[in-house]
Amino acid sequence: MELVVGRVVKSHGIRGELVVEVRTDSPEERFAPGTRLVGRTGRGNATTDREVTIEAARSHSGRLLVRLAGVTDRDSADALRGMILLVDSDSLPDPEDPDEFHDHQLEGLRVLDTAGVQLGQVVEIVHTPGGELLGIRLEDGSDALVPFVTDFVPTVDLAAGSCVIDPPEGLLDLGRS
């Protein structure tokens, strides 16, 4: 599975640097010199993937400027506008903290209540300024968002492929009519 770690916003300067919108919690690792990523351009069925190598990365005015091997001028940098930068999830180390997870580890988990009754499945992780939310597709086909905090999600068991939620009364009823 590939995970998005950044998107090329535009070129910067005349020497081929790129402004990258960062979509990872570890930009210093993902954009370290020598790192190889997949660069995807296009949309839908008309996408093209190519391997790109990070030559340099630096912070500038709150943005990440990246230089890719072989991109040496503004024209070649401009041609990469909109490119999505991806990493293979298998290459990511497991988080050191047992209470931290990569999004792809949570997506697809069965969601159980505290009595062990299956409620649905985690379909996405929503990142907000206030914290992460589990996007859950409930058994009846409706969707719910549950704050990913210990009070509401006391147990995540990756080996069992499940998580237990203990949401406050009514939270799962909000999306239903």
Foldseek 3Di string as FASTA:
>chain_A
DKDFQWWFAAADDFFQKTWIDGDDPCCCVCQPAQHKWWWWDDDDPPIDIDIWGWHDWDDDPNTIITHIPPRTGRVSNRVRHGITTIDDPVPDDADPDPLDGDFVLQFFAFEAEPVGHTFFTFHGWDQDPVAIWGWTQGPVRWIATHGSDCQFWVADDSVVRHTYGHDPPPRVVPRPD
